C-alpha atoms as a PDB file:
ATOM      1  CA  MET A   1      68.568  63.015 100.710  1.00  0.00           C
ATOM      2  CA  ASN A   2      68.200  59.811  99.144  1.00  0.00           C
ATOM      3  CA  ALA A   3      70.081  56.486  99.460  1.00  0.00           C
ATOM      4  CA  ASN A   4      72.780  56.798  97.630  1.00  0.00           C
ATOM      5  CA  LEU A   5      73.940  60.125  99.751  1.00  0.00           C
ATOM      6  CA  LEU A   6      73.484  58.541 103.259  1.00  0.00           C
ATOM      7  CA  ALA A   7      75.738  56.212 102.139  1.00  0.00           C
ATOM      8  CA  PHE A   8      78.287  58.385 101.261  1.00  0.00           C
ATOM      9  CA  VAL A   9      77.570  60.960 103.932  1.00  0.00           C
ATOM     10  CA  GLY A  10      77.947  57.761 106.543  1.00  0.00           C
ATOM     11  CA  THR A  11      81.327  56.779 104.758  1.00  0.00           C
ATOM     12  CA  VAL A  12      82.858  59.620 104.936  1.00  0.00           C
ATOM     13  CA  LEU A  13      82.113  59.507 108.514  1.00  0.00           C
ATOM     14  CA  LEU A  14      83.435  56.866 109.438  1.00  0.00           C
ATOM     15  CA  LEU A  15      86.931  56.796 107.845  1.00  0.00           C
ATOM     16  CA  LEU A  16      87.316  60.117 109.661  1.00  0.00           C
ATOM     17  CA  GLY A  17      86.595  58.520 112.248  1.00  0.00           C
ATOM     18  CA  ILE A  18      89.267  55.678 111.435  1.00  0.00           C
ATOM     19  CA  ALA A  19      91.518  58.663 110.718  1.00  0.00           C
ATOM     20  CA  THR A  20      91.141  60.279 114.026  1.00  0.00           C
ATOM     21  CA  PHE A  21      91.812  57.987 115.762  1.00  0.00           C
ATOM     22  CA  VAL A  22      94.900  56.933 114.023  1.00  0.00           C
ATOM     23  CA  GLY A  23      96.221  60.106 114.443  1.00  0.00           C
ATOM     24  CA  GLN A  24      95.365  60.497 118.132  1.00  0.00           C
ATOM     25  CA  TRP A  25      96.820  56.567 118.327  1.00  0.00           C
ATOM     26  CA  LEU A  26     100.329  58.009 117.058  1.00  0.00           C
ATOM     27  CA  ARG A  27     100.300  60.935 118.760  1.00  0.00           C
ATOM     28  CA  LYS A  28     100.457  58.525 122.381  1.00  0.00           C
ATOM     29  CA  ARG A  29     103.379  57.286 121.028  1.00  0.00           C
ATOM     30  CA  GLU A  30     106.741  57.848 122.482  1.00  0.00           C
ATOM     31  CA  SER A  31     109.184  56.510 119.308  1.00  0.00           C
ATOM     32  CA  PRO A  32     111.891  58.350 117.694  1.00  0.00           C
ATOM     33  CA  ALA A  33     111.261  56.708 114.694  1.00  0.00           C
ATOM     34  CA  LEU A  34     107.700  58.915 113.930  1.00  0.00           C
ATOM     35  CA  ASP A  35     108.093  62.314 113.063  1.00  0.00           C
ATOM     36  CA  ARG A  36     106.385  64.864 115.012  1.00  0.00           C
ATOM     37  CA  ARG A  37     105.530  67.816 113.069  1.00  0.00           C
ATOM     38  CA  ALA A  38     104.150  65.335 110.293  1.00  0.00           C
ATOM     39  CA  ILE A  39     101.748  63.560 112.717  1.00  0.00           C
ATOM     40  CA  GLU A  40     100.621  66.744 114.378  1.00  0.00           C
ATOM     41  CA  SER A  41     100.230  68.182 110.301  1.00  0.00           C
ATOM     42  CA  PHE A  42      98.103  65.571 109.501  1.00  0.00           C
ATOM     43  CA  ASN A  43      95.417  65.503 112.947  1.00  0.00           C
ATOM     44  CA  SER A  44      95.090  69.139 111.393  1.00  0.00           C
ATOM     45  CA  ARG A  45      93.583  68.426 108.549  1.00  0.00           C
ATOM     46  CA  ILE A  46      91.534  65.679 110.319  1.00  0.00           C
ATOM     47  CA  GLN A  47      89.524  68.654 111.938  1.00  0.00           C
ATOM     48  CA  ALA A  48      89.547  70.637 109.031  1.00  0.00           C
ATOM     49  CA  TRP A  49      87.976  68.201 107.576  1.00  0.00           C
ATOM     50  CA  TRP A  50      85.794  67.316 110.388  1.00  0.00           C
ATOM     51  CA  PHE A  51      84.966  70.920 111.040  1.00  0.00           C
ATOM     52  CA  PHE A  52      83.705  71.336 107.170  1.00  0.00           C
ATOM     53  CA  THR A  53      81.928  67.827 107.220  1.00  0.00           C
ATOM     54  CA  ALA A  54      79.717  69.442 110.272  1.00  0.00           C
ATOM     55  CA  VAL A  55      78.977  72.752 108.105  1.00  0.00           C
ATOM     56  CA  ILE A  56      77.805  70.747 105.141  1.00  0.00           C
ATOM     57  CA  VAL A  57      75.809  68.460 107.207  1.00  0.00           C
ATOM     58  CA  MET A  58      73.852  71.609 108.013  1.00  0.00           C
ATOM     59  CA  ALA A  59      73.573  72.116 105.028  1.00  0.00           C
ATOM     60  CA  PHE A  60      71.111  69.298 104.044  1.00  0.00           C
ATOM     61  CA  LEU A  61      68.450  70.976 106.434  1.00  0.00           C
ATOM     62  CA  LEU A  62      69.511  74.461 106.753  1.00  0.00           C
ATOM     63  CA  PRO A  63      71.030  75.920 103.036  1.00  0.00           C
ATOM     64  CA  GLY A  64      70.686  79.354 104.712  1.00  0.00           C
ATOM     65  CA  LEU A  65      72.690  78.438 107.425  1.00  0.00           C
ATOM     66  CA  THR A  66      75.636  76.942 105.504  1.00  0.00           C
ATOM     67  CA  VAL A  67      75.533  79.970 103.705  1.00  0.00           C
ATOM     68  CA  LEU A  68      75.919  82.163 106.600  1.00  0.00           C
ATOM     69  CA  LEU A  69      78.129  79.980 108.251  1.00  0.00           C
ATOM     70  CA  PHE A  70      80.365  80.332 105.233  1.00  0.00           C
ATOM     71  CA  ALA A  71      80.225  83.818 105.166  1.00  0.00           C
ATOM     72  CA  ALA A  72      81.732  84.064 108.855  1.00  0.00           C
ATOM     73  CA  ILE A  73      84.642  81.426 107.676  1.00  0.00           C
ATOM     74  CA  ALA A  74      84.893  84.426 104.876  1.00  0.00           C
ATOM     75  CA  PHE A  75      85.353  87.502 107.517  1.00  0.00           C
ATOM     76  CA  TRP A  76      87.939  85.309 109.688  1.00  0.00           C
ATOM     77  CA  ALA A  77      90.162  84.931 106.710  1.00  0.00           C
ATOM     78  CA  LEU A  78      89.627  88.694 105.744  1.00  0.00           C
ATOM     79  CA  ARG A  79      91.081  89.306 109.254  1.00  0.00           C
ATOM     80  CA  GLU A  80      93.655  86.993 108.702  1.00  0.00           C
ATOM     81  CA  PHE A  81      94.544  87.929 105.437  1.00  0.00           C
ATOM     82  CA  VAL A  82      95.029  91.927 106.703  1.00  0.00           C
ATOM     83  CA  THR A  83      96.731  91.679 109.184  1.00  0.00           C
ATOM     84  CA  LEU A  84      99.879  89.690 107.540  1.00  0.00           C
ATOM     85  CA  THR A  85      99.461  92.986 105.203  1.00  0.00           C
ATOM     86  CA  PRO A  86     100.386  96.662 107.005  1.00  0.00           C
ATOM     87  CA  THR A  87      97.636  99.342 106.336  1.00  0.00           C
ATOM     88  CA  ARG A  88      97.764 102.755 106.230  1.00  0.00           C
ATOM     89  CA  ILE A  89      95.251 105.691 107.448  1.00  0.00           C
ATOM     90  CA  GLY A  90      93.738 105.897 104.512  1.00  0.00           C
ATOM     91  CA  ASP A  91      92.920 102.066 103.157  1.00  0.00           C
ATOM     92  CA  HIS A  92      91.067 101.617 106.806  1.00  0.00           C
ATOM     93  CA  ARG A  93      87.994 103.621 105.246  1.00  0.00           C
ATOM     94  CA  ALA A  94      88.347 101.129 102.316  1.00  0.00           C
ATOM     95  CA  LEU A  95      88.325  98.337 103.900  1.00  0.00           C
ATOM     96  CA  PHE A  96      85.440  99.475 106.574  1.00  0.00           C
ATOM     97  CA  TRP A  97      83.289  98.574 103.275  1.00  0.00           C
ATOM     98  CA  VAL A  98      85.308  95.964 102.552  1.00  0.00           C
ATOM     99  CA  PHE A  99      84.482  94.094 105.914  1.00  0.00           C
ATOM    100  CA  PHE A 100      80.765  95.737 106.234  1.00  0.00           C
ATOM    101  CA  PHE A 101      79.167  95.934 103.086  1.00  0.00           C
ATOM    102  CA  PHE A 102      80.936  93.256 100.100  1.00  0.00           C
ATOM    103  CA  THR A 103      81.340  91.145 101.625  1.00  0.00           C
ATOM    104  CA  PRO A 104      78.056  90.060 103.519  1.00  0.00           C
ATOM    105  CA  MET A 105      76.854  91.300 100.336  1.00  0.00           C
ATOM    106  CA  GLN A 106      78.629  88.532  98.082  1.00  0.00           C
ATOM    107  CA  PHE A 107      76.841  85.942 100.644  1.00  0.00           C
ATOM    108  CA  LEU A 108      73.645  87.426 100.478  1.00  0.00           C
ATOM    109  CA  LEU A 109      73.568  87.445  97.216  1.00  0.00           C
ATOM    110  CA  VAL A 110      74.783  83.687  97.065  1.00  0.00           C
ATOM    111  CA  TYR A 111      72.080  83.093  99.412  1.00  0.00           C
ATOM    112  CA  LEU A 112      69.254  84.861  96.844  1.00  0.00           C
ATOM    113  CA  ASP A 113      70.808  82.590  94.094  1.00  0.00           C
ATOM    114  CA  LYS A 114      71.487  85.911  92.032  1.00  0.00           C
ATOM    115  CA  TYR A 115      74.603  84.748  89.760  1.00  0.00           C
ATOM    116  CA  GLY A 116      74.773  87.927  87.615  1.00  0.00           C
ATOM    117  CA  LEU A 117      75.317  90.370  90.443  1.00  0.00           C
ATOM    118  CA  TYR A 118      77.385  88.168  92.808  1.00  0.00           C
ATOM    119  CA  SER A 119      79.343  86.560  89.975  1.00  0.00           C
ATOM    120  CA  VAL A 120      80.598  90.667  89.327  1.00  0.00           C
ATOM    121  CA  LEU A 121      80.192  92.203  92.632  1.00  0.00           C
ATOM    122  CA  ILE A 122      83.658  91.759  93.880  1.00  0.00           C
ATOM    123  CA  PRO A 123      85.780  91.911  90.656  1.00  0.00           C
ATOM    124  CA  VAL A 124      84.332  94.755  89.133  1.00  0.00           C
ATOM    125  CA  PHE A 125      82.263  96.786  91.889  1.00  0.00           C
ATOM    126  CA  ALA A 126      83.739  96.509  94.190  1.00  0.00           C
ATOM    127  CA  PHE A 127      87.177  96.804  92.887  1.00  0.00           C
ATOM    128  CA  LEU A 128      87.107  99.906  91.843  1.00  0.00           C
ATOM    129  CA  PHE A 129      85.038 100.970  94.479  1.00  0.00           C
ATOM    130  CA  ILE A 130      88.059 100.442  97.198  1.00  0.00           C
ATOM    131  CA  ALA A 131      90.561 102.177  94.296  1.00  0.00           C
ATOM    132  CA  ALA A 132      88.167 105.327  94.231  1.00  0.00           C
ATOM    133  CA  ARG A 133      88.003 105.405  98.166  1.00  0.00           C
ATOM    134  CA  ALA A 134      91.636 105.024  99.358  1.00  0.00           C
ATOM    135  CA  ALA A 135      92.506 107.561  96.452  1.00  0.00           C
ATOM    136  CA  VAL A 136      90.209 110.377  98.656  1.00  0.00           C
ATOM    137  CA  TYR A 137      91.982 110.111 101.499  1.00  0.00           C
ATOM    138  CA  GLY A 138      95.017 111.469  98.913  1.00  0.00           C
ATOM    139  CA  ASP A 139      97.554 109.719 100.463  1.00  0.00           C
ATOM    140  CA  TYR A 140      99.494 107.931  97.463  1.00  0.00           C
ATOM    141  CA  ASP A 141     102.525 106.894  98.867  1.00  0.00           C
ATOM    142  CA  ARG A 142     102.753 103.344  97.658  1.00  0.00           C
ATOM    143  CA  PHE A 143      99.074 103.756  96.686  1.00  0.00           C
ATOM    144  CA  LEU A 144      99.192 100.809  93.847  1.00  0.00           C
ATOM    145  CA  GLU A 145     100.544  98.736  96.301  1.00  0.00           C
ATOM    146  CA  ARG A 146      98.413  98.962  98.860  1.00  0.00           C
ATOM    147  CA  ILE A 147      94.898  98.417  96.779  1.00  0.00           C
ATOM    148  CA  ALA A 148      96.522  95.346  95.179  1.00  0.00           C
ATOM    149  CA  LYS A 149      96.687  94.133  98.802  1.00  0.00           C
ATOM    150  CA  VAL A 150      93.340  94.626  99.606  1.00  0.00           C
ATOM    151  CA  GLN A 151      91.480  93.406  96.193  1.00  0.00           C
ATOM    152  CA  CYS A 152      93.865  89.921  96.909  1.00  0.00           C
ATOM    153  CA  ALA A 153      92.739  89.595 100.094  1.00  0.00           C
ATOM    154  CA  LEU A 154      88.452  90.420  99.272  1.00  0.00           C
ATOM    155  CA  MET A 155      89.477  88.069  95.554  1.00  0.00           C
ATOM    156  CA  ILE A 156      90.647  85.229  97.501  1.00  0.00           C
ATOM    157  CA  CYS A 157      88.892  85.074 100.869  1.00  0.00           C
ATOM    158  CA  VAL A 158      85.981  86.583 100.008  1.00  0.00           C
ATOM    159  CA  TYR A 159      84.873  86.352  96.329  1.00  0.00           C
ATOM    160  CA  CYS A 160      86.500  82.655  95.875  1.00  0.00           C
ATOM    161  CA  LEU A 161      84.898  80.949  98.855  1.00  0.00           C
ATOM    162  CA  SER A 162      81.223  82.422  98.271  1.00  0.00           C
ATOM    163  CA  TYR A 163      81.681  80.410  95.114  1.00  0.00           C
ATOM    164  CA  ALA A 164      81.634  76.722  97.977  1.00  0.00           C
ATOM    165  CA  PRO A 165      78.167  77.563  99.112  1.00  0.00           C
ATOM    166  CA  ALA A 166      76.934  78.953  95.658  1.00  0.00           C
ATOM    167  CA  LEU A 167      77.257  75.135  94.864  1.00  0.00           C
ATOM    168  CA  LEU A 168      74.166  74.531  96.714  1.00  0.00           C
ATOM    169  CA  TYR A 169      72.206  76.754  94.133  1.00  0.00           C
ATOM    170  CA  LEU A 170      73.534  75.308  91.139  1.00  0.00           C
ATOM    171  CA  ARG A 171      71.379  73.198  89.092  1.00  0.00           C
ATOM    172  CA  ILE A 172      73.338  70.539  86.622  1.00  0.00           C
ATOM    173  CA  GLU A 173      71.010  69.763  83.617  1.00  0.00           C
ATOM    174  CA  GLU A 174      71.075  65.609  84.651  1.00  0.00           C
ATOM    175  CA  GLN A 175      69.199  65.508  87.712  1.00  0.00           C
ATOM    176  CA  SER A 176      69.272  61.936  88.225  1.00  0.00           C
ATOM    177  CA  ALA A 177      68.005  60.596  91.348  1.00  0.00           C
ATOM    178  CA  ARG A 178      71.195  60.149  92.996  1.00  0.00           C
ATOM    179  CA  TYR A 179      71.084  63.910  92.725  1.00  0.00           C
ATOM    180  CA  TYR A 180      70.698  66.632  95.351  1.00  0.00           C
ATOM    181  CA  PRO A 181      71.973  70.242  95.728  1.00  0.00           C
ATOM    182  CA  ALA A 182      73.887  69.700  99.503  1.00  0.00           C
ATOM    183  CA  GLY A 183      75.475  66.435  97.665  1.00  0.00           C
ATOM    184  CA  MET A 184      77.166  69.062  95.643  1.00  0.00           C
ATOM    185  CA  LEU A 185      78.556  70.511  98.007  1.00  0.00           C
ATOM    186  CA  PHE A 186      79.277  67.567 100.037  1.00  0.00           C
ATOM    187  CA  PHE A 187      81.114  66.007  97.088  1.00  0.00           C
ATOM    188  CA  PHE A 188      83.453  69.258  96.342  1.00  0.00           C
ATOM    189  CA  ILE A 189      84.797  69.420 100.131  1.00  0.00           C
ATOM    190  CA  THR A 190      85.115  65.749  99.987  1.00  0.00           C
ATOM    191  CA  ILE A 191      87.420  66.022  97.075  1.00  0.00           C
ATOM    192  CA  VAL A 192      89.061  69.082  98.250  1.00  0.00           C
ATOM    193  CA  LEU A 193      89.630  67.847 101.476  1.00  0.00           C
ATOM    194  CA  ALA A 194      91.452  64.746 100.484  1.00  0.00           C
ATOM    195  CA  SER A 195      93.150  65.660  97.635  1.00  0.00           C
ATOM    196  CA  ASP A 196      95.044  68.189 100.447  1.00  0.00           C
ATOM    197  CA  LEU A 197      95.618  65.212 101.908  1.00  0.00           C
ATOM    198  CA  LEU A 198      96.832  62.875  99.500  1.00  0.00           C
ATOM    199  CA  GLU A 199      98.935  65.573  98.033  1.00  0.00           C
ATOM    200  CA  TRP A 200     101.059  66.283 101.341  1.00  0.00           C
ATOM    201  CA  PHE A 201     100.775  62.561 102.270  1.00  0.00           C
ATOM    202  CA  TRP A 202     102.944  61.665  98.440  1.00  0.00           C
ATOM    203  CA  SER A 203     105.048  64.883  99.355  1.00  0.00           C
ATOM    204  CA  ARG A 204     106.292  63.343 102.334  1.00  0.00           C
ATOM    205  CA  VAL A 205     107.251  59.845 100.533  1.00  0.00           C
ATOM    206  CA  TYR A 206     108.089  61.042  97.254  1.00  0.00           C
ATOM    207  CA  SER A 207     110.141  64.479  97.365  1.00  0.00           C
ATOM    208  CA  ARG A 208     112.681  64.585  94.861  1.00  0.00           C
ATOM    209  CA  HIS A 209     112.108  67.369  92.552  1.00  0.00           C
ATOM    210  CA  LEU A 210     110.007  70.428  94.895  1.00  0.00           C
ATOM    211  CA  ILE A 211     108.303  73.120  93.412  1.00  0.00           C
ATOM    212  CA  ALA A 212     109.039  75.768  95.029  1.00  0.00           C
ATOM    213  CA  GLU A 213     111.752  74.824  98.258  1.00  0.00           C
ATOM    214  CA  LYS A 214     111.490  78.365  99.437  1.00  0.00           C
ATOM    215  CA  ILE A 215     108.220  78.843  99.534  1.00  0.00           C
ATOM    216  CA  ASP A 216     107.008  75.134 100.350  1.00  0.00           C
ATOM    217  CA  PRO A 217     109.661  72.796 101.524  1.00  0.00           C
ATOM    218  CA  VAL A 218     107.198  69.570 101.698  1.00  0.00           C
ATOM    219  CA  MET A 219     105.367  70.292  98.083  1.00  0.00           C
ATOM    220  CA  SER A 220     106.945  68.378  95.171  1.00  0.00           C
ATOM    221  CA  TRP A 221     106.027  67.723  91.460  1.00  0.00           C
ATOM    222  CA  GLU A 222     105.607  63.940  92.742  1.00  0.00           C
ATOM    223  CA  GLY A 223     104.108  64.543  95.620  1.00  0.00           C
ATOM    224  CA  VAL A 224     101.408  66.095  92.946  1.00  0.00           C
ATOM    225  CA  LEU A 225     100.633  64.397  90.400  1.00  0.00           C
ATOM    226  CA  ALA A 226      99.959  61.474  92.512  1.00  0.00           C
ATOM    227  CA  GLY A 227      97.689  63.368  94.282  1.00  0.00           C
ATOM    228  CA  ALA A 228      96.330  64.446  91.624  1.00  0.00           C
ATOM    229  CA  ALA A 229      96.513  60.994  89.975  1.00  0.00           C
ATOM    230  CA  SER A 230      94.934  59.019  93.206  1.00  0.00           C
ATOM    231  CA  THR A 231      92.261  62.053  93.768  1.00  0.00           C
ATOM    232  CA  ALA A 232      90.947  61.329  89.845  1.00  0.00           C
ATOM    233  CA  LEU A 233      90.612  57.626  90.559  1.00  0.00           C
ATOM    234  CA  LEU A 234      89.186  58.661  94.176  1.00  0.00           C
ATOM    235  CA  GLY A 235      86.715  60.431  91.858  1.00  0.00           C
ATOM    236  CA  VAL A 236      86.047  57.066  90.489  1.00  0.00           C
ATOM    237  CA  VAL A 237      85.676  54.976  92.740  1.00  0.00           C
ATOM    238  CA  LEU A 238      83.303  57.332  94.122  1.00  0.00           C
ATOM    239  CA  GLN A 239      80.911  57.734  91.185  1.00  0.00           C
ATOM    240  CA  TRP A 240      78.091  55.598  92.547  1.00  0.00           C
ATOM    241  CA  ALA A 241      77.722  58.673  95.252  1.00  0.00           C
ATOM    242  CA  SER A 242      78.638  61.236  92.378  1.00  0.00           C
ATOM    243  CA  PRO A 243      76.408  64.127  90.756  1.00  0.00           C
ATOM    244  CA  PHE A 244      77.830  63.293  87.758  1.00  0.00           C
ATOM    245  CA  PRO A 245      76.390  60.689  85.231  1.00  0.00           C
ATOM    246  CA  TYR A 246      79.736  58.895  84.178  1.00  0.00           C
ATOM    247  CA  TRP A 247      82.986  57.557  85.911  1.00  0.00           C
ATOM    248  CA  TRP A 248      84.520  59.886  83.830  1.00  0.00           C
ATOM    249  CA  GLN A 249      83.935  63.280  84.244  1.00  0.00           C
ATOM    250  CA  THR A 250      83.744  62.394  87.576  1.00  0.00           C
ATOM    251  CA  SER A 251      87.583  61.676  87.292  1.00  0.00           C
ATOM    252  CA  ALA A 252      88.370  64.552  85.219  1.00  0.00           C
ATOM    253  CA  MET A 253      86.037  66.529  87.924  1.00  0.00           C
ATOM    254  CA  ALA A 254      87.800  65.554  90.734  1.00  0.00           C
ATOM    255  CA  LEU A 255      90.976  66.071  88.776  1.00  0.00           C
ATOM    256  CA  VAL A 256      90.402  69.507  88.703  1.00  0.00           C
ATOM    257  CA  ILE A 257      89.414  69.905  92.167  1.00  0.00           C
ATOM    258  CA  ALA A 258      93.322  68.442  93.092  1.00  0.00           C
ATOM    259  CA  LEU A 259      94.847  70.786  90.583  1.00  0.00           C
ATOM    260  CA  THR A 260      93.471  73.911  91.467  1.00  0.00           C
ATOM    261  CA  GLY A 261      93.575  72.930  94.759  1.00  0.00           C
ATOM    262  CA  ALA A 262      96.611  72.612  94.654  1.00  0.00           C
ATOM    263  CA  ALA A 263      97.809  75.724  92.990  1.00  0.00           C
ATOM    264  CA  GLY A 264      95.596  77.072  96.080  1.00  0.00           C
ATOM    265  CA  SER A 265      97.923  76.145  98.546  1.00  0.00           C
ATOM    266  CA  LEU A 266     101.445  77.054  97.294  1.00  0.00           C
ATOM    267  CA  THR A 267      99.982  81.069  96.084  1.00  0.00           C
ATOM    268  CA  MET A 268      98.997  81.345  99.509  1.00  0.00           C
ATOM    269  CA  SER A 269     101.927  79.472 101.233  1.00  0.00           C
ATOM    270  CA  ALA A 270     103.915  82.207  98.759  1.00  0.00           C
ATOM    271  CA  ILE A 271     102.079  85.358 100.442  1.00  0.00           C
ATOM    272  CA  LYS A 272     102.163  84.143 104.131  1.00  0.00           C
ATOM    273  CA  ARG A 273     106.345  84.036 103.044  1.00  0.00           C
ATOM    274  CA  ASP A 274     105.789  86.988 101.578  1.00  0.00           C
ATOM    275  CA  ARG A 275     105.552  89.351 104.722  1.00  0.00           C
ATOM    276  CA  GLY A 276     107.179  86.601 106.777  1.00  0.00           C
ATOM    277  CA  GLU A 277     104.851  84.126 108.174  1.00  0.00           C
ATOM    278  CA  VAL A 278     105.048  80.793 108.853  1.00  0.00           C
ATOM    279  CA  THR A 279     101.094  80.479 110.121  1.00  0.00           C
ATOM    280  CA  SER A 280      98.405  83.141 109.653  1.00  0.00           C
ATOM    281  CA  GLY A 281      96.050  82.492 113.048  1.00  0.00           C
ATOM    282  CA  ASN A 282      94.751  79.776 115.311  1.00  0.00           C
ATOM    283  CA  PHE A 283      91.317  79.139 114.138  1.00  0.00           C
ATOM    284  CA  VAL A 284      91.870  74.993 113.649  1.00  0.00           C
ATOM    285  CA  GLU A 285      93.715  73.997 116.922  1.00  0.00           C
ATOM    286  CA  GLY A 286      97.272  73.072 115.935  1.00  0.00           C
ATOM    287  CA  HIS A 287      97.690  74.375 112.144  1.00  0.00           C
ATOM    288  CA  GLY A 288      98.443  77.552 111.286  1.00  0.00           C
ATOM    289  CA  GLY A 289      94.755  79.327 111.529  1.00  0.00           C
ATOM    290  CA  VAL A 290      91.292  79.464 108.623  1.00  0.00           C
ATOM    291  CA  LEU A 291      93.787  80.715 105.770  1.00  0.00           C
ATOM    292  CA  GLY A 292      95.987  77.909 106.067  1.00  0.00           C
ATOM    293  CA  ARG A 293      92.683  75.807 105.610  1.00  0.00           C
ATOM    294  CA  ILE A 294      90.818  77.319 103.177  1.00  0.00           C
ATOM    295  CA  ASP A 295      93.062  78.042 100.633  1.00  0.00           C
ATOM    296  CA  SER A 296      92.776  74.457  98.798  1.00  0.00           C
ATOM    297  CA  ILE A 297      89.019  75.461  98.979  1.00  0.00           C
ATOM    298  CA  CYS A 298      89.130  79.018  97.336  1.00  0.00           C
ATOM    299  CA  PHE A 299      91.126  78.202  94.643  1.00  0.00           C
ATOM    300  CA  ALA A 300      89.181  74.980  93.647  1.00  0.00           C
ATOM    301  CA  ALA A 301      85.597  76.736  94.993  1.00  0.00           C
ATOM    302  CA  PRO A 302      85.395  78.569  91.688  1.00  0.00           C
ATOM    303  CA  VAL A 303      87.129  76.856  89.116  1.00  0.00           C
ATOM    304  CA  PHE A 304      84.893  73.801  89.748  1.00  0.00           C
ATOM    305  CA  TYR A 305      81.968  75.778  90.290  1.00  0.00           C
ATOM    306  CA  HIS A 306      82.468  77.684  86.710  1.00  0.00           C
ATOM    307  CA  VAL A 307      83.385  74.289  85.099  1.00  0.00           C
ATOM    308  CA  THR A 308      80.080  72.528  86.111  1.00  0.00           C
ATOM    309  CA  ARG A 309      78.244  75.481  85.132  1.00  0.00           C
ATOM    310  CA  TYR A 310      79.811  75.015  81.880  1.00  0.00           C
ATOM    311  CA  PHE A 311      79.016  71.355  81.263  1.00  0.00           C
ATOM    312  CA  PHE A 312      76.210  70.743  83.187  1.00  0.00           C
ATOM    313  CA  GLY A 313      74.289  73.622  84.578  1.00  0.00           C
ATOM    314  CA  VAL A 314      70.728  74.711  83.825  1.00  0.00           C
ATOM    315  CA  ALA A 315      71.092  79.095  82.576  1.00  0.00           C
END
């Protein structure tokens, strides 16, 4: 690890410590002017940030362990997703293969750095296999809807999330002295969680034009645009710790992460509302489960990975 990367990690840990102190101080204050739900939401985001920071710090020493931890998170998220979508006996055999073959195989291929395989395993082979395996059982009642639910769960919770640890093995052309494989993942996680927090903050400050009030009563166009702009500025500030050579590239990549992360958050909210659920579990204390904390990561990870690979990567 180089000095810039160490300073980056130290800065994030310091800011997280300050945010944790502020959040706990606000929680203990007794004032009718304070929005308790907003404070709890803020604290839950900081708690999730601590968790993912700990996971990424492990990547500096044991990249394989980080891949394993992301696999465990994907398994848990998949479990939560499936509980939101009622299944029939005919789907259980397909789900067995989803949980115990395709999910571990996806992350094993990521660990082995087999891009040509893990990039197509789920969207090609798993999708076709799931449909065929369910059809063999002979239950055609609402067949298309049931299969789509399983495929959507596998795509979002496993395939998309797997591109986060895949950043550990992504090589870029201009590998400057400050470049470090785990630093790419640390940069991505920092930006996506910061954008989530910034968009949440600005949506609470400016919420005149809600994007989809029935889906998310807080997220507004002003909040998303202001949050994305703030994230782009954060990218400029973090240029010294970025794996990208120029400030405008770092800013552009941060903007991509912010916009795709916001799309992920809104999409997951729509899925949970559709199933009559506001929360999906209790993986993170004070929040609605692991799905509520990785929605932004799931959408942003594959986009960030492929944009980086296309413009900066080495084949």
